[in-house]
Amino acid sequence: MTELTLEQLSSLQRTLLDIVRKYPGRFSRSGLAKMLVGAKSWQDREYPEYGRFSDRGRKEITWQIDSLVQQSYLRLDGRNRLAPTLSPKEFDVDV
């Protein structure tokens, strides 16, 4: 897999980075995908990002998350929750 610079990341990938930075350790890979596509099985709809990518599939979102983990932009913590690997100053993205 070719590693991309921050400038080369898609807007979806940059949004994923920003959400994980905003809520470190809150989401599993599948949980974040469910929340972003607005899955009915997602319990907490209080997140402003809920359903933001309702036009996309969970598999696509999960694939993008996995890509960011493989490229070391994101990591999984000890509970298999997503966390940023870069400090907030290293990537300045807007949701």
C-alpha atoms as a PDB file:
ATOM      1  CA  MET A   1       0.000   0.000   0.000  1.00  0.00           C
ATOM      2  CA  THR A   2       1.335   3.410  -0.956  1.00  0.00           C
ATOM      3  CA  GLU A   3       1.514   5.767   1.983  1.00  0.00           C
ATOM      4  CA  LEU A   4      -0.128   9.112   1.402  1.00  0.00           C
ATOM      5  CA  THR A   5       0.868  12.456   2.815  1.00  0.00           C
ATOM      6  CA  LEU A   6      -1.747  14.379   4.774  1.00  0.00           C
ATOM      7  CA  GLU A   7      -2.317  16.593   1.756  1.00  0.00           C
ATOM      8  CA  GLN A   8      -3.048  13.525  -0.398  1.00  0.00           C
ATOM      9  CA  LEU A   9      -5.708  12.074   1.898  1.00  0.00           C
ATOM     10  CA  SER A  10      -9.302  12.223   0.689  1.00  0.00           C
ATOM     11  CA  SER A  11     -11.779  14.508   2.418  1.00  0.00           C
ATOM     12  CA  LEU A  12     -13.398  11.396   3.939  1.00  0.00           C
ATOM     13  CA  GLN A  13     -10.055  10.247   5.365  1.00  0.00           C
ATOM     14  CA  ARG A  14      -9.321  13.713   6.739  1.00  0.00           C
ATOM     15  CA  THR A  15     -12.758  13.774   8.361  1.00  0.00           C
ATOM     16  CA  LEU A  16     -12.133  10.358   9.931  1.00  0.00           C
ATOM     17  CA  LEU A  17      -8.852  11.633  11.386  1.00  0.00           C
ATOM     18  CA  ASP A  18     -10.560  14.682  12.831  1.00  0.00           C
ATOM     19  CA  ILE A  19     -13.392  12.667  14.396  1.00  0.00           C
ATOM     20  CA  VAL A  20     -10.973  10.230  16.041  1.00  0.00           C
ATOM     21  CA  ARG A  21      -8.923  13.176  17.306  1.00  0.00           C
ATOM     22  CA  LYS A  22     -12.106  14.736  18.705  1.00  0.00           C
ATOM     23  CA  TYR A  23     -13.245  11.485  20.384  1.00  0.00           C
ATOM     24  CA  PRO A  24     -10.097   9.422  21.093  1.00  0.00           C
ATOM     25  CA  GLY A  25     -10.801   5.926  22.374  1.00  0.00           C
ATOM     26  CA  ARG A  26     -14.583   6.172  21.941  1.00  0.00           C
ATOM     27  CA  PHE A  27     -15.117   4.098  18.810  1.00  0.00           C
ATOM     28  CA  SER A  28     -14.207   0.685  17.524  1.00  0.00           C
ATOM     29  CA  ARG A  29     -13.627   0.482  13.776  1.00  0.00           C
ATOM     30  CA  SER A  30     -17.126  -0.858  13.133  1.00  0.00           C
ATOM     31  CA  GLY A  31     -18.684   1.462  15.704  1.00  0.00           C
ATOM     32  CA  LEU A  32     -17.320   4.551  13.987  1.00  0.00           C
ATOM     33  CA  ALA A  33     -18.532   3.285  10.623  1.00  0.00           C
ATOM     34  CA  LYS A  34     -22.016   2.575  12.021  1.00  0.00           C
ATOM     35  CA  MET A  35     -22.245   6.021  13.572  1.00  0.00           C
ATOM     36  CA  LEU A  36     -21.116   7.823  10.420  1.00  0.00           C
ATOM     37  CA  VAL A  37     -23.526   6.031   8.080  1.00  0.00           C
ATOM     38  CA  GLY A  38     -26.397   6.501  10.535  1.00  0.00           C
ATOM     39  CA  ALA A  39     -27.002   2.809  11.177  1.00  0.00           C
ATOM     40  CA  LYS A  40     -30.237   2.085  13.029  1.00  0.00           C
ATOM     41  CA  SER A  41     -28.294  -0.312  15.265  1.00  0.00           C
ATOM     42  CA  TRP A  42     -26.147   2.579  16.540  1.00  0.00           C
ATOM     43  CA  GLN A  43     -27.473   3.440  20.000  1.00  0.00           C
ATOM     44  CA  ASP A  44     -26.117   6.945  20.630  1.00  0.00           C
ATOM     45  CA  ARG A  45     -27.430   9.422  18.082  1.00  0.00           C
ATOM     46  CA  GLU A  46     -26.274  12.449  20.053  1.00  0.00           C
ATOM     47  CA  TYR A  47     -23.036  12.801  18.115  1.00  0.00           C
ATOM     48  CA  PRO A  48     -23.318  15.673  15.603  1.00  0.00           C
ATOM     49  CA  GLU A  49     -21.491  13.472  13.087  1.00  0.00           C
ATOM     50  CA  TYR A  50     -24.202  10.764  13.256  1.00  0.00           C
ATOM     51  CA  GLY A  51     -25.337   9.946   9.711  1.00  0.00           C
ATOM     52  CA  ARG A  52     -22.864  12.339   8.127  1.00  0.00           C
ATOM     53  CA  PHE A  53     -21.948   9.761   5.478  1.00  0.00           C
ATOM     54  CA  SER A  54     -25.371   8.161   5.086  1.00  0.00           C
ATOM     55  CA  ASP A  55     -24.784   8.111   1.328  1.00  0.00           C
ATOM     56  CA  ARG A  56     -21.908   5.640   1.789  1.00  0.00           C
ATOM     57  CA  GLY A  57     -21.733   2.062   2.973  1.00  0.00           C
ATOM     58  CA  ARG A  58     -20.285   0.758   6.223  1.00  0.00           C
ATOM     59  CA  LYS A  59     -17.817  -1.393   4.307  1.00  0.00           C
ATOM     60  CA  GLU A  60     -16.422   1.659   2.487  1.00  0.00           C
ATOM     61  CA  ILE A  61     -16.042   3.613   5.735  1.00  0.00           C
ATOM     62  CA  THR A  62     -14.436   0.627   7.490  1.00  0.00           C
ATOM     63  CA  TRP A  63     -12.043   0.152   4.567  1.00  0.00           C
ATOM     64  CA  GLN A  64     -10.981   3.803   4.837  1.00  0.00           C
ATOM     65  CA  ILE A  65     -10.476   3.440   8.600  1.00  0.00           C
ATOM     66  CA  ASP A  66      -8.379   0.303   8.075  1.00  0.00           C
ATOM     67  CA  SER A  67      -6.333   2.130   5.455  1.00  0.00           C
ATOM     68  CA  LEU A  68      -5.575   4.915   7.943  1.00  0.00           C
ATOM     69  CA  VAL A  69      -4.576   2.341  10.590  1.00  0.00           C
ATOM     70  CA  GLN A  70      -2.285   0.558   8.117  1.00  0.00           C
ATOM     71  CA  GLN A  71      -0.638   3.859   7.217  1.00  0.00           C
ATOM     72  CA  SER A  72      -0.193   4.690  10.944  1.00  0.00           C
ATOM     73  CA  TYR A  73      -2.439   7.756  10.898  1.00  0.00           C
ATOM     74  CA  LEU A  74      -4.694   5.955  13.393  1.00  0.00           C
ATOM     75  CA  ARG A  75      -4.010   3.202  15.893  1.00  0.00           C
ATOM     76  CA  LEU A  76      -6.038   0.775  17.979  1.00  0.00           C
ATOM     77  CA  ASP A  77      -5.648   1.142  21.729  1.00  0.00           C
ATOM     78  CA  GLY A  78      -5.654  -1.720  24.247  1.00  0.00           C
ATOM     79  CA  ARG A  79      -9.454  -1.993  24.020  1.00  0.00           C
ATOM     80  CA  ASN A  80      -9.442  -2.041  20.189  1.00  0.00           C
ATOM     81  CA  ARG A  81     -10.719   1.535  20.119  1.00  0.00           C
ATOM     82  CA  LEU A  82      -9.471   4.060  17.592  1.00  0.00           C
ATOM     83  CA  ALA A  83      -6.976   6.698  18.667  1.00  0.00           C
ATOM     84  CA  PRO A  84      -4.850   9.175  16.727  1.00  0.00           C
ATOM     85  CA  THR A  85      -1.160   8.508  16.291  1.00  0.00           C
ATOM     86  CA  LEU A  86      -0.372  12.119  15.428  1.00  0.00           C
ATOM     87  CA  SER A  87      -0.707  15.028  17.770  1.00  0.00           C
ATOM     88  CA  PRO A  88      -3.459  17.520  16.882  1.00  0.00           C
ATOM     89  CA  LYS A  89      -0.834  20.035  15.713  1.00  0.00           C
ATOM     90  CA  GLU A  90       0.526  17.526  13.193  1.00  0.00           C
ATOM     91  CA  PHE A  91      -2.755  17.296  11.340  1.00  0.00           C
ATOM     92  CA  ASP A  92      -5.017  20.265  11.199  1.00  0.00           C
ATOM     93  CA  VAL A  93      -8.224  19.107   9.570  1.00  0.00           C
ATOM     94  CA  ASP A  94     -11.752  20.410   9.734  1.00  0.00           C
ATOM     95  CA  VAL A  95     -14.885  18.316   9.986  1.00  0.00           C
END
